[in-house]
Amino acid sequence: MPRINKVLKRLITTEKSIKAKDGQNKYTFEVLLGASGGLVARQVSEKYKVGVENVNLMIVSGKKRRLTKTNRFIKTPKWKKATVQLKEGQKIEEEKK
């Protein structure tokens, strides 16, 4: 089993994820590409000491990016996103870096 800091790469803080956190108690993480829903739920509950109710996973496809001042393009790699819904009344304290 991968280590905790290897499965959960980072907590995503976008405008959409902040609205989901405040309204529906859902948190969004970037996770390993091979991670399963059960593994993500177990790692979140161990790391943040919360109860997980539901996990949704999706693969975000890479985007086409133009190299500066050239006609060449590169493609960014695909990655996996996990939306975790916590049990009622629980929340995750974000870590300040």
Protein backbone atom coordinates (compact mmCIF):
# COMPACT_ATOMS: atom_id res chain seq x y z
CA MET A 1 0.00 0.00 0.00
CA PRO A 2 1.41 3.46 -0.90
CA ARG A 3 2.25 5.90 1.85
CA ILE A 4 -0.27 8.63 2.81
CA ASN A 5 1.72 11.47 1.32
CA LYS A 6 2.02 9.54 -1.94
CA VAL A 7 -1.72 8.85 -2.46
CA LEU A 8 -3.01 12.31 -1.53
CA LYS A 9 -0.91 14.77 -3.50
CA ARG A 10 -2.64 18.03 -2.58
CA LEU A 11 -5.90 19.62 -1.50
CA ILE A 12 -7.39 21.53 -4.44
CA THR A 13 -8.59 25.03 -3.61
CA THR A 14 -10.48 26.51 -6.52
CA GLU A 15 -13.60 28.63 -6.46
CA LYS A 16 -15.78 25.62 -7.28
CA SER A 17 -14.18 23.38 -4.64
CA ILE A 18 -14.51 26.07 -1.96
CA LYS A 19 -18.25 26.38 -2.70
CA ALA A 20 -18.64 22.59 -2.46
CA LYS A 21 -16.74 22.58 0.83
CA ASP A 22 -18.93 25.28 2.37
CA GLY A 23 -22.28 24.11 1.01
CA GLN A 24 -22.08 20.31 0.78
CA ASN A 25 -19.12 19.39 3.03
CA LYS A 26 -17.14 18.02 0.04
CA TYR A 27 -13.36 18.32 -0.32
CA THR A 28 -11.38 17.90 -3.54
CA PHE A 29 -7.94 16.27 -3.70
CA GLU A 30 -5.41 15.49 -6.40
CA VAL A 31 -4.55 11.80 -5.97
CA LEU A 32 -2.37 9.14 -7.58
CA LEU A 33 -3.53 8.01 -11.00
CA GLY A 34 -3.86 4.39 -9.80
CA ALA A 35 -5.68 5.15 -6.53
CA SER A 36 -9.05 3.53 -5.85
CA GLY A 37 -12.00 5.00 -3.98
CA GLY A 38 -11.55 2.79 -0.94
CA LEU A 39 -7.86 3.63 -0.69
CA VAL A 40 -8.59 7.38 -0.92
CA ALA A 41 -11.30 7.13 1.75
CA ARG A 42 -8.99 5.22 4.09
CA GLN A 43 -6.10 7.64 3.58
CA VAL A 44 -8.28 10.74 4.15
CA SER A 45 -9.78 9.31 7.33
CA GLU A 46 -6.32 8.35 8.68
CA LYS A 47 -4.60 11.61 7.81
CA TYR A 48 -7.31 14.08 8.87
CA LYS A 49 -9.11 11.96 11.54
CA VAL A 50 -12.57 12.37 9.96
CA GLY A 51 -15.34 10.04 8.78
CA VAL A 52 -15.76 9.66 5.02
CA GLU A 53 -19.27 9.20 3.63
CA ASN A 54 -18.68 9.09 -0.14
CA VAL A 55 -15.80 9.27 -2.66
CA ASN A 56 -16.09 10.20 -6.35
CA LEU A 57 -13.09 9.83 -8.67
CA MET A 58 -12.48 11.32 -12.10
CA ILE A 59 -9.56 11.43 -14.49
CA VAL A 60 -8.79 14.92 -15.78
CA SER A 61 -7.29 14.83 -19.26
CA GLY A 62 -4.12 16.73 -20.11
CA LYS A 63 -4.30 20.06 -21.90
CA LYS A 64 -2.52 21.30 -24.96
CA ARG A 65 -0.07 24.11 -24.08
CA ARG A 66 1.82 26.29 -26.50
CA LEU A 67 5.53 26.78 -25.98
CA THR A 68 6.47 30.46 -25.72
CA LYS A 69 7.11 32.25 -29.05
CA THR A 70 7.10 29.04 -31.11
CA ASN A 71 4.62 27.05 -33.13
CA ARG A 72 5.20 23.94 -31.02
CA PHE A 73 2.73 22.49 -28.56
CA ILE A 74 3.13 20.11 -25.66
CA LYS A 75 0.49 18.14 -23.78
CA THR A 76 0.33 18.19 -19.99
CA PRO A 77 -0.12 14.81 -18.32
CA LYS A 78 -3.50 13.50 -17.19
CA TRP A 79 -4.25 13.35 -13.46
CA LYS A 80 -6.88 12.00 -11.10
CA LYS A 81 -9.20 14.07 -8.93
CA ALA A 82 -11.10 12.77 -5.89
CA THR A 83 -14.13 14.49 -4.36
CA VAL A 84 -14.62 13.29 -0.78
CA GLN A 85 -17.83 13.91 1.16
CA LEU A 86 -17.39 13.90 4.93
CA LYS A 87 -19.92 12.91 7.53
CA GLU A 88 -22.21 15.60 8.93
CA GLY A 89 -20.53 18.09 11.27
CA GLN A 90 -16.92 17.17 10.40
CA LYS A 91 -14.39 19.27 8.50
CA ILE A 92 -10.77 19.25 7.40
CA GLU A 93 -8.35 21.87 8.67
CA GLU A 94 -6.16 22.98 5.76
CA GLU A 95 -2.43 22.93 6.38
CA LYS A 96 -0.63 26.25 5.93
CA LYS A 97 2.70 26.06 4.10
